[in-house]
Amino acid sequence: MVKPLVASKIYATVTTLSGFLLILVLSACNIRSTIQPTPSVTSTPAKVSTSTPTPAPLGSIQNPLKIAFLQEGEVNRRIEISREEIRNYLIEQTGYQFEIVIFEKPTELFDALLDQNIHLTWLQPLTYLNAQNKGSVKIGLLTNHFGTFYYGTQFLTNVESGYVSYFDPLANISTADAQTALSQLSGSRPCWVEPGSISGYILPFGILQQLGIPTQNGVITQTHPAVVRSLYIKGICDFGVTFSISGDPRTSSQVISDLTDAPQRVTVIWQTNPDIPNMNLSYAKSVSDSMIKEINAAWIEMVKSSDGKRRITQALNDYDVQDLQVVDDSVYDALRAAVRWSGVDLADWIGR
């Protein structure tokens, strides 16, 4: 039997322990109630700008107009200086900034023009037509080369061949239409210069095709004087074609030096209109019309002086330039038709 005193002490001890445990429980509850839950953080990705930066205005220092020149051979300092002088003149006259870009291959220049990586350059007729067909260029200026802006083709025969001439050499004009004058060539053998020659093949062959005048397979002579020499000696071809209006291969040094009577023995039976434009200044389609007008005016002012003519001629690898003229694309209509009728692929003649 437990003594009352001991029981009393046990009871007190139990009571004390119970109270202590109760305090711990209450304290734990109190601590739990004061702890705030940590909110979950959802990361938001940074916004990425999709807008394209606005390019600097064309013609500014940050975005200069690029003038392209073709330099297939070794360039000398004289040509470089002329190009630099032209650039500086255009900057002074227009207020736009210009940069010179040199290409060693016509195809590389052509591709850069199609990609709008250059803004103005000088193009020969077939190359211009190719670029224009692709919608990549705008016509600017046409060059006066050795005194004329355009040239043509003349049909030649030996004076003893029996063909009738429809050409007045004194007036330098044809006296009949193409159908009348050229029908007599049906079934005959031509002497061509070469397939890429505009006056020595493309224009005359295109005219014959358009008129429905068949000929035999032609003889390729490679040069205009060689056509004249072939007709002079006879037996190679019945008729031939060469450039005209801007000159006459019959009187060239390659012919007249030993065939002094060539102009009398090889005669013109018909001559085309001056349907072949010379080299032109073309602009990329990205250049505005108002900017083209301003730049054209600067070029035209430059060519008025003898010094300006010299600069432009030298910059174009000594391609003679006497004057410049504003033209539109319609000046190529006759040539464009001849190209179509001839079946020539312009892609084969980039640089011509």
C-alpha atoms as a PDB file:
ATOM      1  CA  MET A   1       0.000   0.000   0.000  1.00  0.00           C
ATOM      2  CA  VAL A   2       1.373   3.315  -1.044  1.00  0.00           C
ATOM      3  CA  LYS A   3       1.809   5.900   1.545  1.00  0.00           C
ATOM      4  CA  PRO A   4      -0.420   8.996   1.129  1.00  0.00           C
ATOM      5  CA  LEU A   5       2.579  11.317   1.164  1.00  0.00           C
ATOM      6  CA  VAL A   6       4.271   9.475  -1.586  1.00  0.00           C
ATOM      7  CA  ALA A   7       1.056   9.364  -3.591  1.00  0.00           C
ATOM      8  CA  SER A   8       0.692  13.067  -3.110  1.00  0.00           C
ATOM      9  CA  LYS A   9       4.178  13.646  -4.439  1.00  0.00           C
ATOM     10  CA  ILE A  10       3.540  11.380  -7.420  1.00  0.00           C
ATOM     11  CA  TYR A  11       0.330  13.224  -8.188  1.00  0.00           C
ATOM     12  CA  ALA A  12       2.109  16.577  -7.995  1.00  0.00           C
ATOM     13  CA  THR A  13       4.833  15.369 -10.261  1.00  0.00           C
ATOM     14  CA  VAL A  14       2.361  14.017 -12.841  1.00  0.00           C
ATOM     15  CA  THR A  15       0.412  17.213 -12.676  1.00  0.00           C
ATOM     16  CA  THR A  16       3.563  19.251 -13.255  1.00  0.00           C
ATOM     17  CA  LEU A  17       4.583  17.095 -16.219  1.00  0.00           C
ATOM     18  CA  SER A  18       1.130  17.341 -17.743  1.00  0.00           C
ATOM     19  CA  GLY A  19       1.200  21.071 -17.460  1.00  0.00           C
ATOM     20  CA  PHE A  20       4.614  21.261 -19.031  1.00  0.00           C
ATOM     21  CA  LEU A  21       3.518  19.108 -21.945  1.00  0.00           C
ATOM     22  CA  LEU A  22       0.436  21.252 -22.391  1.00  0.00           C
ATOM     23  CA  ILE A  23       2.629  24.352 -22.588  1.00  0.00           C
ATOM     24  CA  LEU A  24       4.812  22.701 -25.224  1.00  0.00           C
ATOM     25  CA  VAL A  25       1.795  21.752 -27.323  1.00  0.00           C
ATOM     26  CA  LEU A  26       0.302  25.197 -27.049  1.00  0.00           C
ATOM     27  CA  SER A  27       3.650  26.790 -27.899  1.00  0.00           C
ATOM     28  CA  ALA A  28       4.008  24.563 -30.936  1.00  0.00           C
ATOM     29  CA  CYS A  29       0.561  25.516 -32.113  1.00  0.00           C
ATOM     30  CA  ASN A  30       1.336  29.137 -31.613  1.00  0.00           C
ATOM     31  CA  ILE A  31       4.606  28.878 -33.584  1.00  0.00           C
ATOM     32  CA  ARG A  32       2.826  27.029 -36.391  1.00  0.00           C
ATOM     33  CA  SER A  33       0.152  29.690 -36.580  1.00  0.00           C
ATOM     34  CA  THR A  34       2.673  32.526 -36.963  1.00  0.00           C
ATOM     35  CA  ILE A  35       4.659  30.933 -39.852  1.00  0.00           C
ATOM     36  CA  GLN A  36       3.382  32.326 -43.183  1.00  0.00           C
ATOM     37  CA  PRO A  37       3.560  30.071 -46.255  1.00  0.00           C
ATOM     38  CA  THR A  38       6.151  31.065 -48.832  1.00  0.00           C
ATOM     39  CA  PRO A  39       4.358  31.917 -52.073  1.00  0.00           C
ATOM     40  CA  SER A  40       5.555  30.028 -55.169  1.00  0.00           C
ATOM     41  CA  VAL A  41       7.290  32.217 -57.742  1.00  0.00           C
ATOM     42  CA  THR A  42       6.465  31.672 -61.415  1.00  0.00           C
ATOM     43  CA  SER A  43       9.241  32.967 -63.674  1.00  0.00           C
ATOM     44  CA  THR A  44       8.129  35.091 -66.650  1.00  0.00           C
ATOM     45  CA  PRO A  45      10.400  34.937 -69.709  1.00  0.00           C
ATOM     46  CA  ALA A  46      11.843  38.235 -70.846  1.00  0.00           C
ATOM     47  CA  LYS A  47      10.150  39.706 -73.875  1.00  0.00           C
ATOM     48  CA  VAL A  48      12.219  39.390 -77.079  1.00  0.00           C
ATOM     49  CA  SER A  49      11.885  42.266 -79.537  1.00  0.00           C
ATOM     50  CA  THR A  50      10.780  41.134 -82.981  1.00  0.00           C
ATOM     51  CA  SER A  51      10.985  44.532 -84.640  1.00  0.00           C
ATOM     52  CA  THR A  52      13.587  45.085 -87.388  1.00  0.00           C
ATOM     53  CA  PRO A  53      15.940  47.998 -86.782  1.00  0.00           C
ATOM     54  CA  THR A  54      15.276  50.863 -89.151  1.00  0.00           C
ATOM     55  CA  PRO A  55      18.161  51.075 -91.645  1.00  0.00           C
ATOM     56  CA  ALA A  56      20.001  54.317 -92.116  1.00  0.00           C
ATOM     57  CA  PRO A  57      18.733  56.383 -95.068  1.00  0.00           C
ATOM     58  CA  LEU A  58      20.247  55.438 -98.409  1.00  0.00           C
ATOM     59  CA  GLY A  59      22.990  57.884 -99.272  1.00  0.00           C
ATOM     60  CA  SER A  60      23.964  58.530 -95.656  1.00  0.00           C
ATOM     61  CA  ILE A  61      27.406  57.847 -94.186  1.00  0.00           C
ATOM     62  CA  GLN A  62      26.054  54.671 -92.564  1.00  0.00           C
ATOM     63  CA  ASN A  63      24.407  53.514 -95.808  1.00  0.00           C
ATOM     64  CA  PRO A  64      26.274  54.962 -98.819  1.00  0.00           C
ATOM     65  CA  LEU A  65      25.258  54.517-102.425  1.00  0.00           C
ATOM     66  CA  LYS A  66      27.514  51.866-103.943  1.00  0.00           C
ATOM     67  CA  ILE A  67      28.866  52.548-107.430  1.00  0.00           C
ATOM     68  CA  ALA A  68      30.044  49.339-109.097  1.00  0.00           C
ATOM     69  CA  PHE A  69      32.762  49.195-111.738  1.00  0.00           C
ATOM     70  CA  LEU A  70      33.905  46.168-113.696  1.00  0.00           C
ATOM     71  CA  GLN A  71      37.658  45.578-113.725  1.00  0.00           C
ATOM     72  CA  GLU A  72      38.475  42.305-115.451  1.00  0.00           C
ATOM     73  CA  GLY A  73      42.145  43.119-116.037  1.00  0.00           C
ATOM     74  CA  GLU A  74      44.778  44.804-113.945  1.00  0.00           C
ATOM     75  CA  VAL A  75      43.739  48.251-112.795  1.00  0.00           C
ATOM     76  CA  ASN A  76      46.211  51.127-112.974  1.00  0.00           C
ATOM     77  CA  ARG A  77      46.375  54.150-110.749  1.00  0.00           C
ATOM     78  CA  ARG A  78      45.045  56.438-113.498  1.00  0.00           C
ATOM     79  CA  ILE A  79      41.735  54.562-113.543  1.00  0.00           C
ATOM     80  CA  GLU A  80      41.543  54.460-109.740  1.00  0.00           C
ATOM     81  CA  ILE A  81      42.089  58.219-109.489  1.00  0.00           C
ATOM     82  CA  SER A  82      39.322  58.909-112.028  1.00  0.00           C
ATOM     83  CA  ARG A  83      36.877  56.782-110.060  1.00  0.00           C
ATOM     84  CA  GLU A  84      37.794  58.540-106.824  1.00  0.00           C
ATOM     85  CA  GLU A  85      37.360  61.936-108.485  1.00  0.00           C
ATOM     86  CA  ILE A  86      33.924  60.906-109.743  1.00  0.00           C
ATOM     87  CA  ARG A  87      32.895  59.748-106.273  1.00  0.00           C
ATOM     88  CA  ASN A  88      34.041  63.005-104.696  1.00  0.00           C
ATOM     89  CA  TYR A  89      32.264  65.036-107.381  1.00  0.00           C
ATOM     90  CA  LEU A  90      28.977  63.195-106.859  1.00  0.00           C
ATOM     91  CA  ILE A  91      29.228  63.700-103.085  1.00  0.00           C
ATOM     92  CA  GLU A  92      29.815  67.406-103.566  1.00  0.00           C
ATOM     93  CA  GLN A  93      27.007  67.855-106.109  1.00  0.00           C
ATOM     94  CA  THR A  94      24.297  65.736-104.468  1.00  0.00           C
ATOM     95  CA  GLY A  95      25.110  65.681-100.761  1.00  0.00           C
ATOM     96  CA  TYR A  96      24.791  61.900-100.786  1.00  0.00           C
ATOM     97  CA  GLN A  97      27.587  59.577 -99.734  1.00  0.00           C
ATOM     98  CA  PHE A  98      29.028  57.156-102.321  1.00  0.00           C
ATOM     99  CA  GLU A  99      31.260  54.103-102.113  1.00  0.00           C
ATOM    100  CA  ILE A 100      33.174  52.497-104.971  1.00  0.00           C
ATOM    101  CA  VAL A 101      32.915  48.719-105.391  1.00  0.00           C
ATOM    102  CA  ILE A 102      35.064  46.800-107.894  1.00  0.00           C
ATOM    103  CA  PHE A 103      34.098  43.482-109.495  1.00  0.00           C
ATOM    104  CA  GLU A 104      36.480  41.296-111.476  1.00  0.00           C
ATOM    105  CA  LYS A 105      33.783  39.239-113.230  1.00  0.00           C
ATOM    106  CA  PRO A 106      30.628  40.454-115.015  1.00  0.00           C
ATOM    107  CA  THR A 107      28.604  37.641-113.452  1.00  0.00           C
ATOM    108  CA  GLU A 108      29.583  38.735-109.934  1.00  0.00           C
ATOM    109  CA  LEU A 109      28.534  42.311-110.626  1.00  0.00           C
ATOM    110  CA  PHE A 110      25.285  41.091-112.183  1.00  0.00           C
ATOM    111  CA  ASP A 111      24.436  38.924-109.163  1.00  0.00           C
ATOM    112  CA  ALA A 112      25.169  41.813-106.783  1.00  0.00           C
ATOM    113  CA  LEU A 113      22.808  43.986-108.804  1.00  0.00           C
ATOM    114  CA  LEU A 114      20.050  41.376-108.657  1.00  0.00           C
ATOM    115  CA  ASP A 115      20.520  41.170-104.875  1.00  0.00           C
ATOM    116  CA  GLN A 116      20.397  44.978-104.609  1.00  0.00           C
ATOM    117  CA  ASN A 117      23.852  45.010-103.017  1.00  0.00           C
ATOM    118  CA  ILE A 118      24.971  47.754-105.403  1.00  0.00           C
ATOM    119  CA  HIS A 119      22.997  50.830-106.378  1.00  0.00           C
ATOM    120  CA  LEU A 120      24.340  52.110-109.695  1.00  0.00           C
ATOM    121  CA  THR A 121      26.566  50.696-112.408  1.00  0.00           C
ATOM    122  CA  TRP A 122      27.279  50.820-116.140  1.00  0.00           C
ATOM    123  CA  LEU A 123      25.721  48.053-118.228  1.00  0.00           C
ATOM    124  CA  GLN A 124      26.054  46.916-121.819  1.00  0.00           C
ATOM    125  CA  PRO A 125      22.762  46.371-123.744  1.00  0.00           C
ATOM    126  CA  LEU A 126      22.288  42.601-123.359  1.00  0.00           C
ATOM    127  CA  THR A 127      23.185  42.705-119.668  1.00  0.00           C
ATOM    128  CA  TYR A 128      20.735  45.546-119.090  1.00  0.00           C
ATOM    129  CA  LEU A 129      17.935  43.647-120.859  1.00  0.00           C
ATOM    130  CA  ASN A 130      18.642  40.592-118.713  1.00  0.00           C
ATOM    131  CA  ALA A 131      18.553  42.599-115.473  1.00  0.00           C
ATOM    132  CA  GLN A 132      15.471  44.521-116.600  1.00  0.00           C
ATOM    133  CA  ASN A 133      13.664  41.271-117.419  1.00  0.00           C
ATOM    134  CA  LYS A 134      14.275  40.238-113.822  1.00  0.00           C
ATOM    135  CA  GLY A 135      12.870  43.521-112.510  1.00  0.00           C
ATOM    136  CA  SER A 136      16.134  44.534-110.846  1.00  0.00           C
ATOM    137  CA  VAL A 137      17.064  47.815-112.536  1.00  0.00           C
ATOM    138  CA  LYS A 138      15.882  51.216-113.652  1.00  0.00           C
ATOM    139  CA  ILE A 139      17.386  52.916-116.680  1.00  0.00           C
ATOM    140  CA  GLY A 140      19.233  56.132-115.973  1.00  0.00           C
ATOM    141  CA  LEU A 141      21.561  57.551-118.622  1.00  0.00           C
ATOM    142  CA  LEU A 142      22.770  56.518-122.065  1.00  0.00           C
ATOM    143  CA  THR A 143      26.323  57.180-123.244  1.00  0.00           C
ATOM    144  CA  ASN A 144      27.341  58.949-126.415  1.00  0.00           C
ATOM    145  CA  HIS A 145      30.124  56.676-127.651  1.00  0.00           C
ATOM    146  CA  PHE A 146      32.329  58.060-130.439  1.00  0.00           C
ATOM    147  CA  GLY A 147      29.726  60.652-131.385  1.00  0.00           C
ATOM    148  CA  THR A 148      26.487  58.655-131.271  1.00  0.00           C
ATOM    149  CA  PHE A 149      24.091  57.313-128.668  1.00  0.00           C
ATOM    150  CA  TYR A 150      22.947  54.414-130.864  1.00  0.00           C
ATOM    151  CA  TYR A 151      24.339  52.284-133.663  1.00  0.00           C
ATOM    152  CA  GLY A 152      22.971  49.745-136.122  1.00  0.00           C
ATOM    153  CA  THR A 153      23.674  46.916-138.551  1.00  0.00           C
ATOM    154  CA  GLN A 154      24.517  46.963-142.247  1.00  0.00           C
ATOM    155  CA  PHE A 155      23.984  44.079-144.676  1.00  0.00           C
ATOM    156  CA  LEU A 156      26.931  43.731-147.059  1.00  0.00           C
ATOM    157  CA  THR A 157      27.533  41.822-150.300  1.00  0.00           C
ATOM    158  CA  ASN A 158      30.246  41.653-152.910  1.00  0.00           C
ATOM    159  CA  VAL A 159      29.517  44.077-155.741  1.00  0.00           C
ATOM    160  CA  GLU A 160      29.733  41.191-158.234  1.00  0.00           C
ATOM    161  CA  SER A 161      27.169  39.037-156.402  1.00  0.00           C
ATOM    162  CA  GLY A 162      24.204  40.482-158.260  1.00  0.00           C
ATOM    163  CA  TYR A 163      22.209  41.611-155.210  1.00  0.00           C
ATOM    164  CA  VAL A 164      20.299  44.873-155.477  1.00  0.00           C
ATOM    165  CA  SER A 165      21.327  47.647-153.105  1.00  0.00           C
ATOM    166  CA  TYR A 166      18.624  49.596-151.301  1.00  0.00           C
ATOM    167  CA  PHE A 167      20.977  52.040-149.642  1.00  0.00           C
ATOM    168  CA  ASP A 168      21.965  55.615-150.452  1.00  0.00           C
ATOM    169  CA  PRO A 169      25.577  56.069-149.310  1.00  0.00           C
ATOM    170  CA  LEU A 170      25.512  59.851-149.737  1.00  0.00           C
ATOM    171  CA  ALA A 171      22.449  60.326-147.536  1.00  0.00           C
ATOM    172  CA  ASN A 172      23.471  57.325-145.391  1.00  0.00           C
ATOM    173  CA  ILE A 173      19.915  55.961-145.358  1.00  0.00           C
ATOM    174  CA  SER A 174      18.096  52.889-146.659  1.00  0.00           C
ATOM    175  CA  THR A 175      15.744  53.451-149.578  1.00  0.00           C
ATOM    176  CA  ALA A 176      13.341  50.552-148.963  1.00  0.00           C
ATOM    177  CA  ASP A 177      11.782  48.683-146.093  1.00  0.00           C
ATOM    178  CA  ALA A 178      13.441  45.589-144.644  1.00  0.00           C
ATOM    179  CA  GLN A 179      11.071  43.116-146.310  1.00  0.00           C
ATOM    180  CA  THR A 180      11.730  44.529-149.770  1.00  0.00           C
ATOM    181  CA  ALA A 181      15.486  44.808-149.372  1.00  0.00           C
ATOM    182  CA  LEU A 182      16.219  41.564-147.560  1.00  0.00           C
ATOM    183  CA  SER A 183      13.872  39.078-149.253  1.00  0.00           C
ATOM    184  CA  GLN A 184      16.532  38.628-151.955  1.00  0.00           C
ATOM    185  CA  LEU A 185      18.759  36.994-149.303  1.00  0.00           C
ATOM    186  CA  SER A 186      16.411  34.021-148.895  1.00  0.00           C
ATOM    187  CA  GLY A 187      18.350  30.748-149.041  1.00  0.00           C
ATOM    188  CA  SER A 188      21.759  32.440-149.090  1.00  0.00           C
ATOM    189  CA  ARG A 189      24.697  31.871-146.747  1.00  0.00           C
ATOM    190  CA  PRO A 190      25.536  34.610-144.228  1.00  0.00           C
ATOM    191  CA  CYS A 191      28.796  35.611-142.613  1.00  0.00           C
ATOM    192  CA  TRP A 192      28.146  36.407-138.948  1.00  0.00           C
ATOM    193  CA  VAL A 193      30.594  37.927-136.487  1.00  0.00           C
ATOM    194  CA  GLU A 194      29.798  35.681-133.492  1.00  0.00           C
ATOM    195  CA  PRO A 195      26.651  34.693-131.552  1.00  0.00           C
ATOM    196  CA  GLY A 196      27.120  37.324-128.853  1.00  0.00           C
ATOM    197  CA  SER A 197      27.579  40.220-131.269  1.00  0.00           C
ATOM    198  CA  ILE A 198      24.515  42.452-131.259  1.00  0.00           C
ATOM    199  CA  SER A 199      25.181  44.139-134.621  1.00  0.00           C
ATOM    200  CA  GLY A 200      27.033  41.163-136.101  1.00  0.00           C
ATOM    201  CA  TYR A 201      24.423  38.519-135.339  1.00  0.00           C
ATOM    202  CA  ILE A 202      21.572  39.154-132.889  1.00  0.00           C
ATOM    203  CA  LEU A 203      19.901  42.179-134.501  1.00  0.00           C
ATOM    204  CA  PRO A 204      20.251  41.107-138.172  1.00  0.00           C
ATOM    205  CA  PHE A 205      19.374  37.464-137.527  1.00  0.00           C
ATOM    206  CA  GLY A 206      16.386  38.538-135.426  1.00  0.00           C
ATOM    207  CA  ILE A 207      15.164  40.769-138.273  1.00  0.00           C
ATOM    208  CA  LEU A 208      15.461  37.957-140.817  1.00  0.00           C
ATOM    209  CA  GLN A 209      13.619  35.572-138.514  1.00  0.00           C
ATOM    210  CA  GLN A 210      10.859  38.094-137.869  1.00  0.00           C
ATOM    211  CA  LEU A 211      10.417  38.648-141.615  1.00  0.00           C
ATOM    212  CA  GLY A 212      10.396  34.907-142.305  1.00  0.00           C
ATOM    213  CA  ILE A 213      13.475  35.019-144.552  1.00  0.00           C
ATOM    214  CA  PRO A 214      15.355  31.693-144.269  1.00  0.00           C
ATOM    215  CA  THR A 215      19.117  31.449-144.694  1.00  0.00           C
ATOM    216  CA  GLN A 216      21.691  28.673-144.710  1.00  0.00           C
ATOM    217  CA  ASN A 217      23.905  27.955-141.720  1.00  0.00           C
ATOM    218  CA  GLY A 218      26.176  30.908-141.260  1.00  0.00           C
ATOM    219  CA  VAL A 219      29.947  31.246-141.143  1.00  0.00           C
ATOM    220  CA  ILE A 220      31.317  32.646-137.872  1.00  0.00           C
ATOM    221  CA  THR A 221      34.211  34.999-138.689  1.00  0.00           C
ATOM    222  CA  GLN A 222      34.850  36.300-135.110  1.00  0.00           C
ATOM    223  CA  THR A 223      35.400  39.971-136.102  1.00  0.00           C
ATOM    224  CA  HIS A 224      33.696  42.675-138.165  1.00  0.00           C
ATOM    225  CA  PRO A 225      36.739  43.251-140.428  1.00  0.00           C
ATOM    226  CA  ALA A 226      36.861  39.491-141.058  1.00  0.00           C
ATOM    227  CA  VAL A 227      33.298  39.657-142.426  1.00  0.00           C
ATOM    228  CA  VAL A 228      34.393  42.321-144.902  1.00  0.00           C
ATOM    229  CA  ARG A 229      37.482  40.371-145.922  1.00  0.00           C
ATOM    230  CA  SER A 230      35.408  37.209-146.430  1.00  0.00           C
ATOM    231  CA  LEU A 231      33.042  39.022-148.786  1.00  0.00           C
ATOM    232  CA  TYR A 232      35.930  40.669-150.613  1.00  0.00           C
ATOM    233  CA  ILE A 233      37.546  37.398-151.623  1.00  0.00           C
ATOM    234  CA  LYS A 234      34.168  35.669-152.332  1.00  0.00           C
ATOM    235  CA  GLY A 235      33.297  32.004-152.052  1.00  0.00           C
ATOM    236  CA  ILE A 236      32.881  31.976-148.254  1.00  0.00           C
ATOM    237  CA  CYS A 237      29.435  33.534-147.861  1.00  0.00           C
ATOM    238  CA  ASP A 238      26.852  35.385-149.933  1.00  0.00           C
ATOM    239  CA  PHE A 239      26.233  38.273-147.569  1.00  0.00           C
ATOM    240  CA  GLY A 240      27.554  39.507-144.262  1.00  0.00           C
ATOM    241  CA  VAL A 241      26.634  41.878-141.465  1.00  0.00           C
ATOM    242  CA  THR A 242      28.654  44.366-139.440  1.00  0.00           C
ATOM    243  CA  PHE A 243      28.052  47.372-137.212  1.00  0.00           C
ATOM    244  CA  SER A 244      27.084  50.651-138.868  1.00  0.00           C
ATOM    245  CA  ILE A 245      26.264  54.308-138.160  1.00  0.00           C
ATOM    246  CA  SER A 246      28.928  54.584-135.453  1.00  0.00           C
ATOM    247  CA  GLY A 247      31.565  53.569-138.009  1.00  0.00           C
ATOM    248  CA  ASP A 248      32.265  51.297-140.971  1.00  0.00           C
ATOM    249  CA  PRO A 249      34.548  48.229-140.764  1.00  0.00           C
ATOM    250  CA  ARG A 250      35.195  48.479-144.514  1.00  0.00           C
ATOM    251  CA  THR A 251      37.412  51.476-143.835  1.00  0.00           C
ATOM    252  CA  SER A 252      39.111  50.077-140.726  1.00  0.00           C
ATOM    253  CA  SER A 253      42.882  49.705-140.663  1.00  0.00           C
ATOM    254  CA  GLN A 254      42.512  45.897-140.493  1.00  0.00           C
ATOM    255  CA  VAL A 255      40.888  46.020-143.934  1.00  0.00           C
ATOM    256  CA  ILE A 256      41.994  49.104-145.794  1.00  0.00           C
ATOM    257  CA  SER A 257      45.701  48.564-145.118  1.00  0.00           C
ATOM    258  CA  ASP A 258      45.897  45.889-147.819  1.00  0.00           C
ATOM    259  CA  LEU A 259      42.418  45.863-149.394  1.00  0.00           C
ATOM    260  CA  THR A 260      42.370  49.489-150.425  1.00  0.00           C
ATOM    261  CA  ASP A 261      39.345  49.117-152.698  1.00  0.00           C
ATOM    262  CA  ALA A 262      37.221  47.254-150.138  1.00  0.00           C
ATOM    263  CA  PRO A 263      34.599  50.046-149.818  1.00  0.00           C
ATOM    264  CA  GLN A 264      33.981  49.776-153.580  1.00  0.00           C
ATOM    265  CA  ARG A 265      34.006  45.975-153.858  1.00  0.00           C
ATOM    266  CA  VAL A 266      31.978  45.277-150.684  1.00  0.00           C
ATOM    267  CA  THR A 267      28.762  47.288-150.807  1.00  0.00           C
ATOM    268  CA  VAL A 268      25.891  48.003-148.432  1.00  0.00           C
ATOM    269  CA  ILE A 269      22.546  46.681-149.651  1.00  0.00           C
ATOM    270  CA  TRP A 270      20.520  47.755-146.593  1.00  0.00           C
ATOM    271  CA  GLN A 271      21.063  49.367-143.212  1.00  0.00           C
ATOM    272  CA  THR A 272      18.932  49.176-140.072  1.00  0.00           C
ATOM    273  CA  ASN A 273      17.850  52.123-138.009  1.00  0.00           C
ATOM    274  CA  PRO A 274      20.148  52.994-135.093  1.00  0.00           C
ATOM    275  CA  ASP A 275      18.384  50.486-132.854  1.00  0.00           C
ATOM    276  CA  ILE A 276      21.250  49.426-130.579  1.00  0.00           C
ATOM    277  CA  PRO A 277      21.761  51.645-127.517  1.00  0.00           C
ATOM    278  CA  ASN A 278      25.283  52.100-126.186  1.00  0.00           C
ATOM    279  CA  MET A 279      26.362  51.357-122.620  1.00  0.00           C
ATOM    280  CA  ASN A 280      24.029  52.831-120.021  1.00  0.00           C
ATOM    281  CA  LEU A 281      24.037  53.872-116.395  1.00  0.00           C
ATOM    282  CA  SER A 282      21.527  51.713-114.528  1.00  0.00           C
ATOM    283  CA  TYR A 283      20.196  51.999-110.985  1.00  0.00           C
ATOM    284  CA  ALA A 284      19.022  49.312-108.618  1.00  0.00           C
ATOM    285  CA  LYS A 285      15.246  49.265-108.221  1.00  0.00           C
ATOM    286  CA  SER A 286      15.729  50.187-104.539  1.00  0.00           C
ATOM    287  CA  VAL A 287      16.912  53.688-105.518  1.00  0.00           C
ATOM    288  CA  SER A 288      14.063  56.205-105.553  1.00  0.00           C
ATOM    289  CA  ASP A 289      13.156  58.103-108.709  1.00  0.00           C
ATOM    290  CA  SER A 290      13.827  61.435-107.019  1.00  0.00           C
ATOM    291  CA  MET A 291      17.308  60.312-106.012  1.00  0.00           C
ATOM    292  CA  ILE A 292      17.985  59.042-109.551  1.00  0.00           C
ATOM    293  CA  LYS A 293      16.995  62.420-110.955  1.00  0.00           C
ATOM    294  CA  GLU A 294      19.449  64.220-108.673  1.00  0.00           C
ATOM    295  CA  ILE A 295      22.324  61.848-109.434  1.00  0.00           C
ATOM    296  CA  ASN A 296      21.621  61.949-113.176  1.00  0.00           C
ATOM    297  CA  ALA A 297      21.858  65.722-113.086  1.00  0.00           C
ATOM    298  CA  ALA A 298      25.279  65.509-111.434  1.00  0.00           C
ATOM    299  CA  TRP A 299      26.599  63.093-114.080  1.00  0.00           C
ATOM    300  CA  ILE A 300      25.275  65.294-116.894  1.00  0.00           C
ATOM    301  CA  GLU A 301      26.913  68.351-115.388  1.00  0.00           C
ATOM    302  CA  MET A 302      30.181  66.428-115.045  1.00  0.00           C
ATOM    303  CA  VAL A 303      30.301  65.303-118.684  1.00  0.00           C
ATOM    304  CA  LYS A 304      29.921  68.879-119.957  1.00  0.00           C
ATOM    305  CA  SER A 305      33.582  69.582-119.283  1.00  0.00           C
ATOM    306  CA  SER A 306      36.528  67.988-121.055  1.00  0.00           C
ATOM    307  CA  ASP A 307      37.867  66.982-117.660  1.00  0.00           C
ATOM    308  CA  GLY A 308      34.583  65.282-116.839  1.00  0.00           C
ATOM    309  CA  LYS A 309      34.594  63.366-120.127  1.00  0.00           C
ATOM    310  CA  ARG A 310      38.119  62.217-119.351  1.00  0.00           C
ATOM    311  CA  ARG A 311      37.198  61.042-115.873  1.00  0.00           C
ATOM    312  CA  ILE A 312      34.181  59.038-117.024  1.00  0.00           C
ATOM    313  CA  THR A 313      36.029  57.521-119.991  1.00  0.00           C
ATOM    314  CA  GLN A 314      38.965  56.443-117.850  1.00  0.00           C
ATOM    315  CA  ALA A 315      36.709  55.144-115.066  1.00  0.00           C
ATOM    316  CA  LEU A 316      35.041  52.883-117.654  1.00  0.00           C
ATOM    317  CA  ASN A 317      38.375  51.390-118.710  1.00  0.00           C
ATOM    318  CA  ASP A 318      38.747  53.882-121.587  1.00  0.00           C
ATOM    319  CA  TYR A 319      35.282  53.313-123.045  1.00  0.00           C
ATOM    320  CA  ASP A 320      34.920  56.619-124.908  1.00  0.00           C
ATOM    321  CA  VAL A 321      32.133  58.806-123.491  1.00  0.00           C
ATOM    322  CA  GLN A 322      31.347  62.102-125.221  1.00  0.00           C
ATOM    323  CA  ASP A 323      27.982  62.861-123.635  1.00  0.00           C
ATOM    324  CA  LEU A 324      25.180  61.480-121.471  1.00  0.00           C
ATOM    325  CA  GLN A 325      21.444  61.527-122.074  1.00  0.00           C
ATOM    326  CA  VAL A 326      18.384  60.712-119.962  1.00  0.00           C
ATOM    327  CA  VAL A 327      16.376  57.916-121.641  1.00  0.00           C
ATOM    328  CA  ASP A 328      13.579  55.518-120.783  1.00  0.00           C
ATOM    329  CA  ASP A 329      13.312  51.784-121.344  1.00  0.00           C
ATOM    330  CA  SER A 330      11.470  52.154-124.669  1.00  0.00           C
ATOM    331  CA  VAL A 331      14.777  52.798-126.476  1.00  0.00           C
ATOM    332  CA  TYR A 332      15.413  49.047-126.108  1.00  0.00           C
ATOM    333  CA  ASP A 333      12.165  47.916-127.751  1.00  0.00           C
ATOM    334  CA  ALA A 334      13.641  47.140-131.190  1.00  0.00           C
ATOM    335  CA  LEU A 335      16.598  45.304-129.709  1.00  0.00           C
ATOM    336  CA  ARG A 336      14.352  43.457-127.274  1.00  0.00           C
ATOM    337  CA  ALA A 337      12.248  42.199-130.196  1.00  0.00           C
ATOM    338  CA  ALA A 338      15.354  41.097-132.117  1.00  0.00           C
ATOM    339  CA  VAL A 339      16.643  39.187-129.099  1.00  0.00           C
ATOM    340  CA  ARG A 340      13.327  37.404-128.796  1.00  0.00           C
ATOM    341  CA  TRP A 341      13.212  36.457-132.481  1.00  0.00           C
ATOM    342  CA  SER A 342      16.850  35.381-132.552  1.00  0.00           C
ATOM    343  CA  GLY A 343      16.325  32.942-129.694  1.00  0.00           C
ATOM    344  CA  VAL A 344      19.467  34.138-127.919  1.00  0.00           C
ATOM    345  CA  ASP A 345      19.647  33.324-124.215  1.00  0.00           C
ATOM    346  CA  LEU A 346      20.663  36.530-122.436  1.00  0.00           C
ATOM    347  CA  ALA A 347      22.110  34.511-119.559  1.00  0.00           C
ATOM    348  CA  ASP A 348      24.874  33.412-121.926  1.00  0.00           C
ATOM    349  CA  TRP A 349      26.013  36.956-122.557  1.00  0.00           C
ATOM    350  CA  ILE A 350      26.312  38.719-119.201  1.00  0.00           C
ATOM    351  CA  GLY A 351      28.779  41.529-119.707  1.00  0.00           C
ATOM    352  CA  ARG A 352      27.709  42.184-123.317  1.00  0.00           C
END
